[in-house]
Amino acid sequence: HSATLSNSFSLSFQTTSSALKGAIQLGITHTVGSLSTKPERDVLMQDFYVVESIFFPSEGSNLTPAHHYNDFRFKTYAPVAFRYFRELFGIRPDDYLYSLCSEPLIELSNSGASGSLFYVSSDDEFIIKTVQHKEAEFLQKLLPGYYMNLNQNPRTLLPKFYGLYCVQAGGKNIRIVVMNNLLPRSVKMHLKYDLKGSTYKRRASQKEREKVFPTYKDLDFIQDIPDGLFLDSDMYNALCKTLQRDCLVLQSFKIMDYSLLVAIHNIDLAQREHAMADGTSQTDMRRPAAQKALYSTAMESIQGEARRGGTIETDDQ
């Protein structure tokens, strides 16, 4: 079948998206592996503009394995810079490869408003999103500023970007970005809000409300939680400072359309759900989750000490 990508072209990469998923995994395996042979060094300005390309013929080559897909070319943008970003986020190369390439990627059925395709790694850690040419080009231009922001503000709640790639096949360019999975399944979120600090047309549509896990907006938040969310003073001050710094960075990039994604885990409701599902006591809640959400941005990451908190993350759209 063909799946629409970014409202601009259709993907007819062989006959199924499994070919695209396989190409992504082959490409990432190669590029991360080849990076490991290069010595660690400081990131230089020219690193942000490097594009490495490798051809994957179906019969294989002295550099690439044989595969069952059509011939394709795999491009890696700013490999040294993204290696630095992954290290900064505490992601080791072997963990990155294991998460993305050891098991088939899972295609998410509901695409975003942009029409992009989304894949999630089998361990729930990473999201892969297809992006338009202009989006990929814009992200590459932002990389020097992104680098500066991460070094000046390691508690940033801006999205975490781990890699930018392109699969070329059948005359098509399919660009993808690898990001952190904001809402991993290991912790169930009961409510989700996309907040812009505006009330103009900021109510979830009826179509959105009919979804299993709808994303509500500012007017819904005001109606559902009129008293707001209560945080202790240290966390409140840290969160406000982080948001101010992040907004200043987005302003410097001349980005206008961004929002704060707030997801709420209701502990009391979760305990009742577990009790109903398992017929067990609330002590059952202490069972370890199937997968720890290693790279999601929890609230405690904006503070210098370990604290428990809900997942609050900005999402520039």
C-alpha atoms as a PDB file:
ATOM      1  CA  HIS A   1       0.000   0.000   0.000  1.00  0.00           C
ATOM      2  CA  SER A   2       1.050   3.623  -0.237  1.00  0.00           C
ATOM      3  CA  ALA A   3       1.133   5.884   2.802  1.00  0.00           C
ATOM      4  CA  THR A   4       0.968   9.659   2.485  1.00  0.00           C
ATOM      5  CA  LEU A   5       4.030  11.474   3.812  1.00  0.00           C
ATOM      6  CA  SER A   6       3.857  15.101   4.929  1.00  0.00           C
ATOM      7  CA  ASN A   7       0.991  15.921   2.562  1.00  0.00           C
ATOM      8  CA  SER A   8       3.522  16.428  -0.229  1.00  0.00           C
ATOM      9  CA  PHE A   9       4.347  13.080  -1.776  1.00  0.00           C
ATOM     10  CA  SER A  10       3.336   9.471  -1.463  1.00  0.00           C
ATOM     11  CA  LEU A  11       5.587   6.687  -0.298  1.00  0.00           C
ATOM     12  CA  SER A  12       5.717   3.781  -2.722  1.00  0.00           C
ATOM     13  CA  PHE A  13       8.883   2.351  -1.263  1.00  0.00           C
ATOM     14  CA  GLN A  14       8.584  -1.190  -2.607  1.00  0.00           C
ATOM     15  CA  THR A  15       5.075  -2.248  -1.520  1.00  0.00           C
ATOM     16  CA  THR A  16       4.964  -1.818   2.249  1.00  0.00           C
ATOM     17  CA  SER A  17       6.331   0.467   4.912  1.00  0.00           C
ATOM     18  CA  SER A  18       8.281  -2.528   6.254  1.00  0.00           C
ATOM     19  CA  ALA A  19      10.843  -1.745   3.543  1.00  0.00           C
ATOM     20  CA  LEU A  20      11.206   1.815   4.863  1.00  0.00           C
ATOM     21  CA  LYS A  21      11.537   0.544   8.437  1.00  0.00           C
ATOM     22  CA  GLY A  22      14.162  -1.974   7.331  1.00  0.00           C
ATOM     23  CA  ALA A  23      16.105   0.671   5.403  1.00  0.00           C
ATOM     24  CA  ILE A  24      16.079   2.980   8.418  1.00  0.00           C
ATOM     25  CA  GLN A  25      17.458   0.235  10.640  1.00  0.00           C
ATOM     26  CA  LEU A  26      20.161  -0.781   8.158  1.00  0.00           C
ATOM     27  CA  GLY A  27      21.196   2.854   7.702  1.00  0.00           C
ATOM     28  CA  ILE A  28      21.324   3.698  11.406  1.00  0.00           C
ATOM     29  CA  THR A  29      23.263   0.503  12.170  1.00  0.00           C
ATOM     30  CA  HIS A  30      25.869   1.462   9.580  1.00  0.00           C
ATOM     31  CA  THR A  31      26.201   5.137  10.492  1.00  0.00           C
ATOM     32  CA  VAL A  32      26.448   4.557  14.260  1.00  0.00           C
ATOM     33  CA  GLY A  33      28.916   1.725  13.703  1.00  0.00           C
ATOM     34  CA  SER A  34      31.146   3.814  11.438  1.00  0.00           C
ATOM     35  CA  LEU A  35      31.027   6.682  13.938  1.00  0.00           C
ATOM     36  CA  SER A  36      32.418   4.411  16.654  1.00  0.00           C
ATOM     37  CA  THR A  37      35.657   4.103  14.673  1.00  0.00           C
ATOM     38  CA  LYS A  38      36.135   7.876  14.674  1.00  0.00           C
ATOM     39  CA  PRO A  39      37.943   9.350  17.700  1.00  0.00           C
ATOM     40  CA  GLU A  40      36.059  11.483  20.195  1.00  0.00           C
ATOM     41  CA  ARG A  41      36.692  15.205  19.740  1.00  0.00           C
ATOM     42  CA  ASP A  42      35.086  18.588  20.309  1.00  0.00           C
ATOM     43  CA  VAL A  43      32.250  19.587  17.986  1.00  0.00           C
ATOM     44  CA  LEU A  44      33.410  22.088  15.359  1.00  0.00           C
ATOM     45  CA  MET A  45      31.258  24.561  13.449  1.00  0.00           C
ATOM     46  CA  GLN A  46      31.598  22.651  10.184  1.00  0.00           C
ATOM     47  CA  ASP A  47      30.242  19.487  11.867  1.00  0.00           C
ATOM     48  CA  PHE A  48      26.734  20.937  11.806  1.00  0.00           C
ATOM     49  CA  TYR A  49      26.729  21.045   7.994  1.00  0.00           C
ATOM     50  CA  VAL A  50      28.258  17.650   7.164  1.00  0.00           C
ATOM     51  CA  VAL A  51      26.079  15.147   5.257  1.00  0.00           C
ATOM     52  CA  GLU A  52      27.383  11.584   4.931  1.00  0.00           C
ATOM     53  CA  SER A  53      25.928   9.273   2.290  1.00  0.00           C
ATOM     54  CA  ILE A  54      26.149   5.497   1.779  1.00  0.00           C
ATOM     55  CA  PHE A  55      24.609   3.361  -0.971  1.00  0.00           C
ATOM     56  CA  PHE A  56      22.856   0.101  -0.028  1.00  0.00           C
ATOM     57  CA  PRO A  57      22.527  -2.146  -3.138  1.00  0.00           C
ATOM     58  CA  SER A  58      20.241  -5.107  -2.534  1.00  0.00           C
ATOM     59  CA  GLU A  59      23.062  -7.541  -3.340  1.00  0.00           C
ATOM     60  CA  GLY A  60      25.291  -5.919  -0.723  1.00  0.00           C
ATOM     61  CA  SER A  61      28.743  -4.360  -1.050  1.00  0.00           C
ATOM     62  CA  ASN A  62      32.069  -4.369   0.752  1.00  0.00           C
ATOM     63  CA  LEU A  63      30.587  -1.763   3.119  1.00  0.00           C
ATOM     64  CA  THR A  64      26.933  -2.813   3.384  1.00  0.00           C
ATOM     65  CA  PRO A  65      25.054  -6.105   3.891  1.00  0.00           C
ATOM     66  CA  ALA A  66      22.744  -7.716   1.340  1.00  0.00           C
ATOM     67  CA  HIS A  67      19.038  -7.090   1.952  1.00  0.00           C
ATOM     68  CA  HIS A  68      15.604  -7.923   0.529  1.00  0.00           C
ATOM     69  CA  TYR A  69      14.553  -4.358  -0.288  1.00  0.00           C
ATOM     70  CA  ASN A  70      15.096  -2.238  -3.384  1.00  0.00           C
ATOM     71  CA  ASP A  71      18.417  -0.402  -3.671  1.00  0.00           C
ATOM     72  CA  PHE A  72      18.494   2.742  -1.556  1.00  0.00           C
ATOM     73  CA  ARG A  73      20.839   5.478  -0.375  1.00  0.00           C
ATOM     74  CA  PHE A  74      21.018   6.522   3.288  1.00  0.00           C
ATOM     75  CA  LYS A  75      22.124  10.012   4.333  1.00  0.00           C
ATOM     76  CA  THR A  76      23.173  11.051   7.821  1.00  0.00           C
ATOM     77  CA  TYR A  77      23.116  14.735   8.728  1.00  0.00           C
ATOM     78  CA  ALA A  78      25.677  16.196  11.146  1.00  0.00           C
ATOM     79  CA  PRO A  79      26.747  12.769  12.518  1.00  0.00           C
ATOM     80  CA  VAL A  80      29.443  14.091  14.883  1.00  0.00           C
ATOM     81  CA  ALA A  81      27.124  16.799  16.274  1.00  0.00           C
ATOM     82  CA  PHE A  82      24.293  14.322  16.910  1.00  0.00           C
ATOM     83  CA  ARG A  83      26.750  11.899  18.531  1.00  0.00           C
ATOM     84  CA  TYR A  84      27.581  14.718  20.957  1.00  0.00           C
ATOM     85  CA  PHE A  85      23.876  15.357  21.610  1.00  0.00           C
ATOM     86  CA  ARG A  86      23.236  11.667  22.326  1.00  0.00           C
ATOM     87  CA  GLU A  87      26.176  11.583  24.742  1.00  0.00           C
ATOM     88  CA  LEU A  88      24.885  14.712  26.456  1.00  0.00           C
ATOM     89  CA  PHE A  89      21.502  13.007  26.918  1.00  0.00           C
ATOM     90  CA  GLY A  90      23.191   9.917  28.374  1.00  0.00           C
ATOM     91  CA  ILE A  91      22.507   7.604  25.432  1.00  0.00           C
ATOM     92  CA  ARG A  92      25.290   5.129  24.702  1.00  0.00           C
ATOM     93  CA  PRO A  93      25.786   4.029  21.064  1.00  0.00           C
ATOM     94  CA  ASP A  94      25.038   0.366  21.849  1.00  0.00           C
ATOM     95  CA  ASP A  95      21.787   1.315  23.644  1.00  0.00           C
ATOM     96  CA  TYR A  96      20.765   3.545  20.733  1.00  0.00           C
ATOM     97  CA  LEU A  97      21.395   0.723  18.254  1.00  0.00           C
ATOM     98  CA  TYR A  98      19.720  -1.915  20.419  1.00  0.00           C
ATOM     99  CA  SER A  99      16.571   0.192  20.898  1.00  0.00           C
ATOM    100  CA  LEU A 100      16.187   1.165  17.253  1.00  0.00           C
ATOM    101  CA  CYS A 101      17.576  -1.797  15.358  1.00  0.00           C
ATOM    102  CA  SER A 102      17.230  -5.050  17.347  1.00  0.00           C
ATOM    103  CA  GLU A 103      13.467  -5.435  16.785  1.00  0.00           C
ATOM    104  CA  PRO A 104      11.093  -4.196  14.049  1.00  0.00           C
ATOM    105  CA  LEU A 105       9.914  -0.611  14.463  1.00  0.00           C
ATOM    106  CA  ILE A 106       6.243  -0.163  15.369  1.00  0.00           C
ATOM    107  CA  GLU A 107       4.204   2.119  13.113  1.00  0.00           C
ATOM    108  CA  LEU A 108       1.784   4.356  14.979  1.00  0.00           C
ATOM    109  CA  SER A 109      -1.641   4.395  13.372  1.00  0.00           C
ATOM    110  CA  ASN A 110      -2.505   8.025  14.099  1.00  0.00           C
ATOM    111  CA  SER A 111      -0.289  10.409  12.167  1.00  0.00           C
ATOM    112  CA  GLY A 112       0.226  13.950  13.379  1.00  0.00           C
ATOM    113  CA  ALA A 113      -1.510  17.048  12.099  1.00  0.00           C
ATOM    114  CA  SER A 114       1.314  17.479   9.582  1.00  0.00           C
ATOM    115  CA  GLY A 115       0.548  14.144   7.937  1.00  0.00           C
ATOM    116  CA  SER A 116       3.888  12.731   9.073  1.00  0.00           C
ATOM    117  CA  LEU A 117       4.394   9.048   9.726  1.00  0.00           C
ATOM    118  CA  PHE A 118       5.463   8.046  13.223  1.00  0.00           C
ATOM    119  CA  TYR A 119       7.329   4.954  14.336  1.00  0.00           C
ATOM    120  CA  VAL A 120       8.248   3.949  17.871  1.00  0.00           C
ATOM    121  CA  SER A 121      11.110   1.665  18.874  1.00  0.00           C
ATOM    122  CA  SER A 122      10.049  -1.727  20.236  1.00  0.00           C
ATOM    123  CA  ASP A 123      11.261  -0.792  23.744  1.00  0.00           C
ATOM    124  CA  ASP A 124       9.183   2.419  23.675  1.00  0.00           C
ATOM    125  CA  GLU A 125      12.180   4.732  24.080  1.00  0.00           C
ATOM    126  CA  PHE A 126      12.419   6.526  20.734  1.00  0.00           C
ATOM    127  CA  ILE A 127      10.063   8.100  18.232  1.00  0.00           C
ATOM    128  CA  ILE A 128      10.935   8.318  14.539  1.00  0.00           C
ATOM    129  CA  LYS A 129       9.020  10.974  12.610  1.00  0.00           C
ATOM    130  CA  THR A 130       9.034  11.681   8.881  1.00  0.00           C
ATOM    131  CA  VAL A 131       9.571  15.360   8.111  1.00  0.00           C
ATOM    132  CA  GLN A 132       9.300  17.533   5.038  1.00  0.00           C
ATOM    133  CA  HIS A 133      12.386  18.849   3.264  1.00  0.00           C
ATOM    134  CA  LYS A 134      11.875  22.355   4.679  1.00  0.00           C
ATOM    135  CA  GLU A 135      11.547  21.009   8.228  1.00  0.00           C
ATOM    136  CA  ALA A 136      14.745  18.967   7.925  1.00  0.00           C
ATOM    137  CA  GLU A 137      16.578  21.930   6.419  1.00  0.00           C
ATOM    138  CA  PHE A 138      15.330  24.200   9.210  1.00  0.00           C
ATOM    139  CA  LEU A 139      16.406  21.746  11.925  1.00  0.00           C
ATOM    140  CA  GLN A 140      19.880  21.522  10.417  1.00  0.00           C
ATOM    141  CA  LYS A 141      20.154  25.318  10.426  1.00  0.00           C
ATOM    142  CA  LEU A 142      19.115  25.360  14.090  1.00  0.00           C
ATOM    143  CA  LEU A 143      21.776  22.869  15.199  1.00  0.00           C
ATOM    144  CA  PRO A 144      24.454  25.448  16.214  1.00  0.00           C
ATOM    145  CA  GLY A 145      21.863  27.304  18.318  1.00  0.00           C
ATOM    146  CA  TYR A 146      20.534  24.006  19.687  1.00  0.00           C
ATOM    147  CA  TYR A 147      24.091  23.067  20.688  1.00  0.00           C
ATOM    148  CA  MET A 148      24.557  26.405  22.437  1.00  0.00           C
ATOM    149  CA  ASN A 149      21.225  26.070  24.266  1.00  0.00           C
ATOM    150  CA  LEU A 150      21.999  22.567  25.543  1.00  0.00           C
ATOM    151  CA  ASN A 151      25.338  23.711  26.914  1.00  0.00           C
ATOM    152  CA  GLN A 152      23.917  26.829  28.561  1.00  0.00           C
ATOM    153  CA  ASN A 153      20.655  25.289  29.725  1.00  0.00           C
ATOM    154  CA  PRO A 154      20.990  21.515  30.281  1.00  0.00           C
ATOM    155  CA  ARG A 155      17.574  21.512  32.008  1.00  0.00           C
ATOM    156  CA  THR A 156      15.831  22.599  28.802  1.00  0.00           C
ATOM    157  CA  LEU A 157      12.407  21.128  28.060  1.00  0.00           C
ATOM    158  CA  LEU A 158      12.799  21.555  24.306  1.00  0.00           C
ATOM    159  CA  PRO A 159      12.491  18.313  22.313  1.00  0.00           C
ATOM    160  CA  LYS A 160      15.502  16.022  22.351  1.00  0.00           C
ATOM    161  CA  PHE A 161      16.808  15.311  18.856  1.00  0.00           C
ATOM    162  CA  TYR A 162      19.014  12.245  18.484  1.00  0.00           C
ATOM    163  CA  GLY A 163      19.506  11.982  14.736  1.00  0.00           C
ATOM    164  CA  LEU A 164      18.461  13.358  11.337  1.00  0.00           C
ATOM    165  CA  TYR A 165      18.515  11.016   8.347  1.00  0.00           C
ATOM    166  CA  CYS A 166      17.243  10.610   4.788  1.00  0.00           C
ATOM    167  CA  VAL A 167      16.314   7.457   2.863  1.00  0.00           C
ATOM    168  CA  GLN A 168      16.528   7.903  -0.922  1.00  0.00           C
ATOM    169  CA  ALA A 169      14.712   5.254  -2.978  1.00  0.00           C
ATOM    170  CA  GLY A 170      12.674   5.151  -6.162  1.00  0.00           C
ATOM    171  CA  GLY A 171      13.286   8.840  -6.814  1.00  0.00           C
ATOM    172  CA  LYS A 172      11.868   9.807  -3.406  1.00  0.00           C
ATOM    173  CA  ASN A 173      13.560  11.418  -0.418  1.00  0.00           C
ATOM    174  CA  ILE A 174      12.126  10.306   2.914  1.00  0.00           C
ATOM    175  CA  ARG A 175      13.580  12.414   5.720  1.00  0.00           C
ATOM    176  CA  ILE A 176      13.301  11.270   9.322  1.00  0.00           C
ATOM    177  CA  VAL A 177      14.197  12.630  12.732  1.00  0.00           C
ATOM    178  CA  VAL A 178      14.765  10.486  15.841  1.00  0.00           C
ATOM    179  CA  MET A 179      13.412  12.009  19.062  1.00  0.00           C
ATOM    180  CA  ASN A 180      12.652  11.054  22.652  1.00  0.00           C
ATOM    181  CA  ASN A 181       9.302   9.392  23.269  1.00  0.00           C
ATOM    182  CA  LEU A 182       7.523  11.903  25.502  1.00  0.00           C
ATOM    183  CA  LEU A 183       4.767   9.564  26.654  1.00  0.00           C
ATOM    184  CA  PRO A 184       6.110   6.011  27.009  1.00  0.00           C
ATOM    185  CA  ARG A 185       3.630   3.290  27.921  1.00  0.00           C
ATOM    186  CA  SER A 186       5.442   2.384  31.154  1.00  0.00           C
ATOM    187  CA  VAL A 187       3.531   5.174  32.944  1.00  0.00           C
ATOM    188  CA  LYS A 188      -0.098   5.623  31.946  1.00  0.00           C
ATOM    189  CA  MET A 189      -1.172   9.205  31.423  1.00  0.00           C
ATOM    190  CA  HIS A 190      -4.827   9.943  32.129  1.00  0.00           C
ATOM    191  CA  LEU A 191      -5.018  13.481  30.716  1.00  0.00           C
ATOM    192  CA  LYS A 192      -3.017  15.345  28.090  1.00  0.00           C
ATOM    193  CA  TYR A 193      -3.051  19.053  27.278  1.00  0.00           C
ATOM    194  CA  ASP A 194      -1.426  21.123  24.533  1.00  0.00           C
ATOM    195  CA  LEU A 195      -1.054  24.583  26.077  1.00  0.00           C
ATOM    196  CA  LYS A 196      -0.137  27.807  24.277  1.00  0.00           C
ATOM    197  CA  GLY A 197      -1.140  30.364  26.887  1.00  0.00           C
ATOM    198  CA  SER A 198      -3.943  31.564  24.580  1.00  0.00           C
ATOM    199  CA  THR A 199      -7.708  31.129  24.678  1.00  0.00           C
ATOM    200  CA  TYR A 200      -8.461  31.959  21.020  1.00  0.00           C
ATOM    201  CA  LYS A 201      -9.773  28.780  19.336  1.00  0.00           C
ATOM    202  CA  ARG A 202      -8.085  26.757  22.060  1.00  0.00           C
ATOM    203  CA  ARG A 203     -10.642  24.027  22.669  1.00  0.00           C
ATOM    204  CA  ALA A 204     -10.214  20.443  21.463  1.00  0.00           C
ATOM    205  CA  SER A 205     -12.388  19.595  18.460  1.00  0.00           C
ATOM    206  CA  GLN A 206     -15.160  17.026  18.656  1.00  0.00           C
ATOM    207  CA  LYS A 207     -13.106  14.740  16.428  1.00  0.00           C
ATOM    208  CA  GLU A 208     -10.177  14.980  18.829  1.00  0.00           C
ATOM    209  CA  ARG A 209     -12.398  14.305  21.853  1.00  0.00           C
ATOM    210  CA  GLU A 210     -13.577  11.048  20.307  1.00  0.00           C
ATOM    211  CA  LYS A 211     -10.037   9.629  20.352  1.00  0.00           C
ATOM    212  CA  VAL A 212      -8.993   7.073  22.975  1.00  0.00           C
ATOM    213  CA  PHE A 213      -6.389   9.481  24.411  1.00  0.00           C
ATOM    214  CA  PRO A 214      -7.362  12.966  23.214  1.00  0.00           C
ATOM    215  CA  THR A 215      -5.131  16.014  23.408  1.00  0.00           C
ATOM    216  CA  TYR A 216      -7.071  18.808  25.078  1.00  0.00           C
ATOM    217  CA  LYS A 217      -6.232  22.517  24.879  1.00  0.00           C
ATOM    218  CA  ASP A 218      -6.112  25.648  27.028  1.00  0.00           C
ATOM    219  CA  LEU A 219      -9.878  26.222  27.448  1.00  0.00           C
ATOM    220  CA  ASP A 220     -10.335  22.553  28.344  1.00  0.00           C
ATOM    221  CA  PHE A 221      -7.562  22.838  30.938  1.00  0.00           C
ATOM    222  CA  ILE A 222      -9.189  25.892  32.519  1.00  0.00           C
ATOM    223  CA  GLN A 223     -12.514  24.064  32.633  1.00  0.00           C
ATOM    224  CA  ASP A 224     -11.174  20.708  33.868  1.00  0.00           C
ATOM    225  CA  ILE A 225      -8.568  22.007  36.335  1.00  0.00           C
ATOM    226  CA  PRO A 226      -9.753  25.509  37.326  1.00  0.00           C
ATOM    227  CA  ASP A 227      -7.353  25.687  40.278  1.00  0.00           C
ATOM    228  CA  GLY A 228      -4.400  24.651  38.155  1.00  0.00           C
ATOM    229  CA  LEU A 229      -1.644  22.221  39.116  1.00  0.00           C
ATOM    230  CA  PHE A 230       0.011  22.646  42.497  1.00  0.00           C
ATOM    231  CA  LEU A 231       3.814  22.460  42.638  1.00  0.00           C
ATOM    232  CA  ASP A 232       6.111  23.133  45.553  1.00  0.00           C
ATOM    233  CA  SER A 233       7.866  26.495  45.351  1.00  0.00           C
ATOM    234  CA  ASP A 234      11.264  25.121  44.271  1.00  0.00           C
ATOM    235  CA  MET A 235       9.791  23.154  41.398  1.00  0.00           C
ATOM    236  CA  TYR A 236       7.515  26.018  40.393  1.00  0.00           C
ATOM    237  CA  ASN A 237      10.421  28.473  40.252  1.00  0.00           C
ATOM    238  CA  ALA A 238      12.631  26.015  38.367  1.00  0.00           C
ATOM    239  CA  LEU A 239       9.883  25.244  35.857  1.00  0.00           C
ATOM    240  CA  CYS A 240       9.091  28.918  35.230  1.00  0.00           C
ATOM    241  CA  LYS A 241      12.781  29.747  34.755  1.00  0.00           C
ATOM    242  CA  THR A 242      13.212  26.844  32.321  1.00  0.00           C
ATOM    243  CA  LEU A 243      10.150  27.855  30.300  1.00  0.00           C
ATOM    244  CA  GLN A 244      11.354  31.470  30.114  1.00  0.00           C
ATOM    245  CA  ARG A 245      14.773  30.377  28.879  1.00  0.00           C
ATOM    246  CA  ASP A 246      13.288  27.956  26.352  1.00  0.00           C
ATOM    247  CA  CYS A 247      10.874  30.572  24.998  1.00  0.00           C
ATOM    248  CA  LEU A 248      13.750  33.022  24.598  1.00  0.00           C
ATOM    249  CA  VAL A 249      15.623  30.427  22.533  1.00  0.00           C
ATOM    250  CA  LEU A 250      12.558  29.738  20.352  1.00  0.00           C
ATOM    251  CA  GLN A 251      12.111  33.498  19.913  1.00  0.00           C
ATOM    252  CA  SER A 252      15.745  33.795  18.795  1.00  0.00           C
ATOM    253  CA  PHE A 253      15.058  31.086  16.191  1.00  0.00           C
ATOM    254  CA  LYS A 254      12.036  33.145  15.042  1.00  0.00           C
ATOM    255  CA  ILE A 255       9.714  30.226  15.856  1.00  0.00           C
ATOM    256  CA  MET A 256       6.171  31.287  16.749  1.00  0.00           C
ATOM    257  CA  ASP A 257       4.068  28.133  16.797  1.00  0.00           C
ATOM    258  CA  TYR A 258       5.018  26.108  19.864  1.00  0.00           C
ATOM    259  CA  SER A 259       3.254  24.822  22.938  1.00  0.00           C
ATOM    260  CA  LEU A 260       3.750  23.087  26.272  1.00  0.00           C
ATOM    261  CA  LEU A 261       2.615  19.482  26.407  1.00  0.00           C
ATOM    262  CA  VAL A 262       1.319  18.601  29.880  1.00  0.00           C
ATOM    263  CA  ALA A 263       0.454  14.976  30.610  1.00  0.00           C
ATOM    264  CA  ILE A 264      -1.078  14.006  33.958  1.00  0.00           C
ATOM    265  CA  HIS A 265      -0.764  10.664  35.722  1.00  0.00           C
ATOM    266  CA  ASN A 266      -3.486  10.323  38.365  1.00  0.00           C
ATOM    267  CA  ILE A 267      -2.046   8.083  41.097  1.00  0.00           C
ATOM    268  CA  ASP A 268      -5.395   7.406  42.827  1.00  0.00           C
ATOM    269  CA  LEU A 269      -7.066   6.526  39.543  1.00  0.00           C
ATOM    270  CA  ALA A 270      -4.127   4.313  38.538  1.00  0.00           C
ATOM    271  CA  GLN A 271      -4.384   2.380  41.801  1.00  0.00           C
ATOM    272  CA  ARG A 272      -8.103   1.817  41.276  1.00  0.00           C
ATOM    273  CA  GLU A 273      -7.462   0.668  37.699  1.00  0.00           C
ATOM    274  CA  HIS A 274      -4.833  -1.812  38.866  1.00  0.00           C
ATOM    275  CA  ALA A 275      -7.092  -3.118  41.600  1.00  0.00           C
ATOM    276  CA  MET A 276      -9.944  -3.613  39.139  1.00  0.00           C
ATOM    277  CA  ALA A 277      -7.734  -5.208  36.502  1.00  0.00           C
ATOM    278  CA  ASP A 278      -5.820  -7.563  38.766  1.00  0.00           C
ATOM    279  CA  GLY A 279      -8.120  -7.985  41.747  1.00  0.00           C
ATOM    280  CA  THR A 280      -5.071  -7.350  43.909  1.00  0.00           C
ATOM    281  CA  SER A 281      -4.111  -4.906  46.625  1.00  0.00           C
ATOM    282  CA  GLN A 282      -2.423  -1.607  45.920  1.00  0.00           C
ATOM    283  CA  THR A 283       0.917  -3.172  46.866  1.00  0.00           C
ATOM    284  CA  ASP A 284       0.811  -4.659  43.380  1.00  0.00           C
ATOM    285  CA  MET A 285       1.557  -1.145  42.136  1.00  0.00           C
ATOM    286  CA  ARG A 286       5.146  -1.691  43.227  1.00  0.00           C
ATOM    287  CA  ARG A 287       5.789  -4.267  40.524  1.00  0.00           C
ATOM    288  CA  PRO A 288       8.497  -2.969  38.169  1.00  0.00           C
ATOM    289  CA  ALA A 289       7.259  -1.669  34.840  1.00  0.00           C
ATOM    290  CA  ALA A 290       8.071  -3.736  31.783  1.00  0.00           C
ATOM    291  CA  GLN A 291      10.275  -0.974  30.437  1.00  0.00           C
ATOM    292  CA  LYS A 292      11.821   1.960  32.235  1.00  0.00           C
ATOM    293  CA  ALA A 293      11.395   5.248  30.414  1.00  0.00           C
ATOM    294  CA  LEU A 294      15.073   6.135  30.297  1.00  0.00           C
ATOM    295  CA  TYR A 295      15.057   9.104  27.970  1.00  0.00           C
ATOM    296  CA  SER A 296      11.715  10.774  28.537  1.00  0.00           C
ATOM    297  CA  THR A 297      11.918  14.226  30.116  1.00  0.00           C
ATOM    298  CA  ALA A 298      10.417  14.057  33.581  1.00  0.00           C
ATOM    299  CA  MET A 299       9.912  17.158  35.713  1.00  0.00           C
ATOM    300  CA  GLU A 300      12.794  16.224  37.997  1.00  0.00           C
ATOM    301  CA  SER A 301      15.208  16.803  35.125  1.00  0.00           C
ATOM    302  CA  ILE A 302      14.708  20.565  35.406  1.00  0.00           C
ATOM    303  CA  GLN A 303      16.055  20.481  38.933  1.00  0.00           C
ATOM    304  CA  GLY A 304      19.471  19.568  40.213  1.00  0.00           C
ATOM    305  CA  GLU A 305      18.172  16.917  42.580  1.00  0.00           C
ATOM    306  CA  ALA A 306      16.143  13.732  42.149  1.00  0.00           C
ATOM    307  CA  ARG A 307      12.439  14.378  42.550  1.00  0.00           C
ATOM    308  CA  ARG A 308       9.312  12.620  41.438  1.00  0.00           C
ATOM    309  CA  GLY A 309       7.071  14.405  38.983  1.00  0.00           C
ATOM    310  CA  GLY A 310       4.801  14.128  35.982  1.00  0.00           C
ATOM    311  CA  THR A 311       6.022  14.333  32.404  1.00  0.00           C
ATOM    312  CA  ILE A 312       5.989  17.935  31.246  1.00  0.00           C
ATOM    313  CA  GLU A 313       7.569  18.717  27.936  1.00  0.00           C
ATOM    314  CA  THR A 314       7.454  21.447  25.346  1.00  0.00           C
ATOM    315  CA  ASP A 315       6.555  20.462  21.838  1.00  0.00           C
ATOM    316  CA  ASP A 316       7.283  22.854  18.998  1.00  0.00           C
ATOM    317  CA  GLN A 317       4.888  21.956  16.249  1.00  0.00           C
END
